[in-house]
């Protein structure tokens, strides 16, 4: 399989993986936001998604941290409506 070589495709894949994490782990994410331990609660899922991302994207694009940004956008910023002691 060819590695993803464009920033746009790497961003899309990162966001797709983060969206899947959000979709399939909604209850854990909500609880993690409420209890301020989100990254501990879903660390295994995030790591699994990151491994998938790294296997599909060229190393120079992995270094740009599109996956980390997608995680923050989709798992944190999109959940800001949930009452939490963090915000």
N, C-alpha and C. Protein backbone atom coordinates (compact mmCIF):
# COMPACT_ATOMS: atom_id res chain seq x y z
N UNK A 1 0.85 -1.17 0.00
CA UNK A 1 0.00 0.00 0.00
C UNK A 1 0.90 1.24 0.00
N UNK A 2 0.55 2.21 -0.83
CA UNK A 2 1.30 3.47 -0.88
C UNK A 2 0.94 4.34 0.31
N UNK A 3 1.93 5.04 0.83
CA UNK A 3 1.68 5.96 1.94
C UNK A 3 1.06 7.25 1.42
N UNK A 4 0.25 7.85 2.26
CA UNK A 4 -0.34 9.15 1.94
C UNK A 4 0.79 10.17 1.89
N UNK A 5 0.79 10.97 0.82
CA UNK A 5 1.90 11.91 0.58
C UNK A 5 1.48 13.37 0.63
N UNK A 6 0.18 13.65 0.74
CA UNK A 6 -0.26 15.05 0.73
C UNK A 6 -0.81 15.45 2.09
N UNK A 7 -0.61 16.71 2.42
CA UNK A 7 -1.11 17.21 3.70
C UNK A 7 -2.62 17.10 3.80
N UNK A 8 -3.30 17.41 2.72
CA UNK A 8 -4.77 17.36 2.73
C UNK A 8 -5.27 15.94 3.02
N UNK A 9 -4.69 14.96 2.38
CA UNK A 9 -5.10 13.58 2.60
C UNK A 9 -4.74 13.12 4.01
N UNK A 10 -3.61 13.56 4.52
CA UNK A 10 -3.19 13.21 5.88
C UNK A 10 -4.15 13.83 6.90
N UNK A 11 -4.55 15.06 6.67
CA UNK A 11 -5.53 15.71 7.56
C UNK A 11 -6.87 14.98 7.52
N UNK A 12 -7.31 14.62 6.33
CA UNK A 12 -8.59 13.91 6.20
C UNK A 12 -8.56 12.59 6.95
N UNK A 13 -7.47 11.84 6.79
CA UNK A 13 -7.37 10.56 7.49
C UNK A 13 -7.36 10.78 9.00
N UNK A 14 -6.60 11.75 9.47
CA UNK A 14 -6.55 12.04 10.90
C UNK A 14 -7.93 12.37 11.44
N UNK A 15 -8.66 13.20 10.73
CA UNK A 15 -10.00 13.59 11.16
C UNK A 15 -10.97 12.41 11.09
N UNK A 16 -10.82 11.56 10.10
CA UNK A 16 -11.69 10.37 9.99
C UNK A 16 -11.46 9.43 11.17
N UNK A 17 -10.20 9.22 11.51
CA UNK A 17 -9.89 8.34 12.64
C UNK A 17 -10.42 8.94 13.93
N UNK A 18 -10.20 10.24 14.14
CA UNK A 18 -10.69 10.90 15.35
C UNK A 18 -12.22 10.87 15.40
N UNK A 19 -12.87 11.04 14.27
CA UNK A 19 -14.33 10.97 14.22
C UNK A 19 -14.83 9.58 14.59
N UNK A 20 -14.16 8.57 14.10
CA UNK A 20 -14.53 7.20 14.48
C UNK A 20 -14.36 6.98 15.97
N UNK A 21 -13.27 7.48 16.53
CA UNK A 21 -13.06 7.37 17.97
C UNK A 21 -14.21 8.03 18.72
N UNK A 22 -14.61 9.20 18.27
CA UNK A 22 -15.69 9.92 18.91
C UNK A 22 -17.01 9.16 18.79
N UNK A 23 -17.28 8.64 17.63
CA UNK A 23 -18.52 7.93 17.39
C UNK A 23 -18.64 6.66 18.23
N UNK A 24 -17.59 5.88 18.27
CA UNK A 24 -17.64 4.58 18.92
C UNK A 24 -17.31 4.62 20.41
N UNK A 25 -16.89 5.76 20.92
CA UNK A 25 -16.52 5.87 22.33
C UNK A 25 -17.18 7.07 23.01
N UNK A 26 -18.34 7.44 22.54
CA UNK A 26 -19.02 8.64 23.03
C UNK A 26 -19.18 8.64 24.55
N UNK A 27 -19.65 7.56 25.12
CA UNK A 27 -19.89 7.52 26.56
C UNK A 27 -18.58 7.70 27.34
N UNK A 28 -17.52 7.04 26.90
CA UNK A 28 -16.23 7.18 27.57
C UNK A 28 -15.70 8.61 27.46
N UNK A 29 -15.90 9.21 26.30
CA UNK A 29 -15.41 10.57 26.08
C UNK A 29 -16.16 11.56 26.97
N UNK A 30 -17.49 11.43 27.01
CA UNK A 30 -18.29 12.32 27.87
C UNK A 30 -17.85 12.17 29.32
N UNK A 31 -17.71 10.95 29.78
CA UNK A 31 -17.27 10.73 31.16
C UNK A 31 -15.88 11.30 31.39
N UNK A 32 -14.98 11.13 30.43
CA UNK A 32 -13.63 11.67 30.55
C UNK A 32 -13.60 13.18 30.61
N UNK A 33 -14.47 13.83 29.85
CA UNK A 33 -14.55 15.30 29.89
C UNK A 33 -15.08 15.74 31.25
N UNK A 34 -16.14 15.10 31.70
CA UNK A 34 -16.75 15.45 32.99
C UNK A 34 -15.75 15.27 34.13
N UNK A 35 -15.01 14.18 34.10
CA UNK A 35 -14.10 13.86 35.20
C UNK A 35 -12.68 14.40 34.98
N UNK A 36 -12.46 15.09 33.88
CA UNK A 36 -11.16 15.66 33.53
C UNK A 36 -10.05 14.61 33.46
N UNK A 37 -10.38 13.47 32.86
CA UNK A 37 -9.37 12.43 32.64
C UNK A 37 -9.54 11.80 31.26
N UNK A 38 -9.98 12.61 30.32
CA UNK A 38 -10.29 12.13 28.98
C UNK A 38 -9.15 11.33 28.36
N UNK A 39 -7.95 11.86 28.40
CA UNK A 39 -6.85 11.19 27.71
C UNK A 39 -6.41 9.92 28.42
N UNK A 40 -6.68 9.81 29.69
CA UNK A 40 -6.42 8.56 30.40
C UNK A 40 -7.47 7.52 30.05
N UNK A 41 -8.72 7.94 29.98
CA UNK A 41 -9.84 7.03 29.74
C UNK A 41 -9.76 6.39 28.36
N UNK A 42 -9.33 7.14 27.36
CA UNK A 42 -9.30 6.59 26.00
C UNK A 42 -7.89 6.51 25.42
N UNK A 43 -6.91 6.39 26.29
CA UNK A 43 -5.53 6.34 25.80
C UNK A 43 -5.28 5.16 24.87
N UNK A 44 -5.87 4.02 25.14
CA UNK A 44 -5.67 2.86 24.27
C UNK A 44 -6.26 3.09 22.89
N UNK A 45 -7.44 3.67 22.84
CA UNK A 45 -8.09 3.94 21.57
C UNK A 45 -7.32 4.99 20.77
N UNK A 46 -6.85 6.02 21.45
CA UNK A 46 -6.05 7.05 20.77
C UNK A 46 -4.76 6.44 20.22
N UNK A 47 -4.11 5.60 21.01
CA UNK A 47 -2.86 4.97 20.56
C UNK A 47 -3.11 4.04 19.37
N UNK A 48 -4.21 3.32 19.40
CA UNK A 48 -4.54 2.44 18.27
C UNK A 48 -4.78 3.26 17.00
N UNK A 49 -5.50 4.35 17.13
CA UNK A 49 -5.74 5.23 15.99
C UNK A 49 -4.45 5.86 15.48
N UNK A 50 -3.58 6.22 16.39
CA UNK A 50 -2.30 6.82 15.99
C UNK A 50 -1.43 5.81 15.25
N UNK A 51 -1.45 4.57 15.70
CA UNK A 51 -0.68 3.52 15.02
C UNK A 51 -1.21 3.33 13.60
N UNK A 52 -2.52 3.32 13.43
CA UNK A 52 -3.12 3.22 12.10
C UNK A 52 -2.68 4.39 11.24
N UNK A 53 -2.76 5.59 11.81
CA UNK A 53 -2.37 6.80 11.08
C UNK A 53 -0.91 6.72 10.64
N UNK A 54 -0.03 6.35 11.54
CA UNK A 54 1.40 6.26 11.22
C UNK A 54 1.69 5.23 10.15
N UNK A 55 0.91 4.17 10.10
CA UNK A 55 1.11 3.13 9.09
C UNK A 55 0.62 3.55 7.71
N UNK A 56 -0.20 4.57 7.64
CA UNK A 56 -0.79 4.97 6.36
C UNK A 56 -0.23 6.26 5.79
N UNK A 57 0.53 7.02 6.59
CA UNK A 57 0.97 8.37 6.20
C UNK A 57 2.50 8.43 6.15
N UNK A 58 3.03 9.16 5.19
CA UNK A 58 4.47 9.36 5.06
C UNK A 58 5.03 9.99 6.34
N UNK A 59 6.20 9.54 6.78
CA UNK A 59 6.78 10.02 8.04
C UNK A 59 6.90 11.54 8.16
N UNK A 60 7.24 12.21 7.07
CA UNK A 60 7.37 13.67 7.14
C UNK A 60 6.03 14.35 7.42
N UNK A 61 4.93 13.70 7.06
CA UNK A 61 3.60 14.25 7.37
C UNK A 61 3.17 13.86 8.77
N UNK A 62 3.56 12.69 9.22
CA UNK A 62 3.26 12.28 10.61
C UNK A 62 3.86 13.31 11.56
N UNK A 63 5.05 13.79 11.25
CA UNK A 63 5.76 14.74 12.10
C UNK A 63 5.01 16.07 12.23
N UNK A 64 4.08 16.36 11.34
CA UNK A 64 3.33 17.62 11.39
C UNK A 64 2.17 17.57 12.38
N UNK A 65 1.95 16.42 12.99
CA UNK A 65 0.99 16.25 14.08
C UNK A 65 -0.47 16.53 13.69
N UNK A 66 -0.86 16.20 12.50
CA UNK A 66 -2.25 16.36 12.10
C UNK A 66 -3.17 15.48 12.96
N UNK A 67 -2.67 14.32 13.35
CA UNK A 67 -3.49 13.41 14.16
C UNK A 67 -3.77 14.04 15.54
N UNK A 68 -2.76 14.57 16.17
CA UNK A 68 -2.95 15.20 17.48
C UNK A 68 -3.92 16.38 17.41
N UNK A 69 -3.81 17.17 16.36
CA UNK A 69 -4.71 18.30 16.18
C UNK A 69 -6.14 17.83 15.96
N UNK A 70 -6.32 16.75 15.21
CA UNK A 70 -7.66 16.21 14.98
C UNK A 70 -8.26 15.68 16.27
N UNK A 71 -7.44 15.04 17.10
CA UNK A 71 -7.92 14.55 18.39
C UNK A 71 -8.43 15.70 19.25
N UNK A 72 -7.67 16.77 19.31
CA UNK A 72 -8.09 17.92 20.11
C UNK A 72 -9.36 18.54 19.52
N UNK A 73 -9.41 18.73 18.22
CA UNK A 73 -10.58 19.34 17.59
C UNK A 73 -11.84 18.51 17.80
N UNK A 74 -11.73 17.21 17.60
CA UNK A 74 -12.92 16.37 17.57
C UNK A 74 -13.28 15.79 18.94
N UNK A 75 -12.29 15.45 19.75
CA UNK A 75 -12.60 14.84 21.04
C UNK A 75 -12.68 15.86 22.17
N UNK A 76 -12.06 17.00 22.01
CA UNK A 76 -12.08 17.99 23.08
C UNK A 76 -12.93 19.19 22.69
N UNK A 77 -12.51 19.91 21.67
CA UNK A 77 -13.21 21.15 21.29
C UNK A 77 -14.67 20.90 20.94
N UNK A 78 -14.96 19.81 20.27
CA UNK A 78 -16.35 19.52 19.89
C UNK A 78 -17.21 19.12 21.08
N UNK A 79 -16.58 18.82 22.21
CA UNK A 79 -17.33 18.41 23.40
C UNK A 79 -17.40 19.53 24.44
N UNK A 80 -17.09 20.75 24.04
CA UNK A 80 -17.05 21.85 25.00
C UNK A 80 -18.43 22.18 25.58
N UNK A 81 -19.48 21.65 25.00
CA UNK A 81 -20.83 21.86 25.54
C UNK A 81 -21.09 21.02 26.79
N UNK A 82 -20.24 20.05 27.05
CA UNK A 82 -20.41 19.17 28.21
C UNK A 82 -19.89 19.89 29.45
N UNK A 83 -20.67 19.88 30.49
CA UNK A 83 -20.25 20.54 31.73
C UNK A 83 -19.04 19.82 32.31
N UNK A 84 -18.01 20.62 32.58
CA UNK A 84 -16.75 20.06 33.08
C UNK A 84 -16.09 21.07 33.99
N UNK A 85 -15.32 20.57 34.95
CA UNK A 85 -14.58 21.48 35.82
C UNK A 85 -13.41 22.14 35.08
N UNK A 86 -13.11 21.66 33.90
CA UNK A 86 -12.01 22.22 33.10
C UNK A 86 -12.42 23.57 32.49
N UNK A 87 -13.68 23.69 32.10
CA UNK A 87 -14.15 24.95 31.51
C UNK A 87 -15.48 25.36 32.04
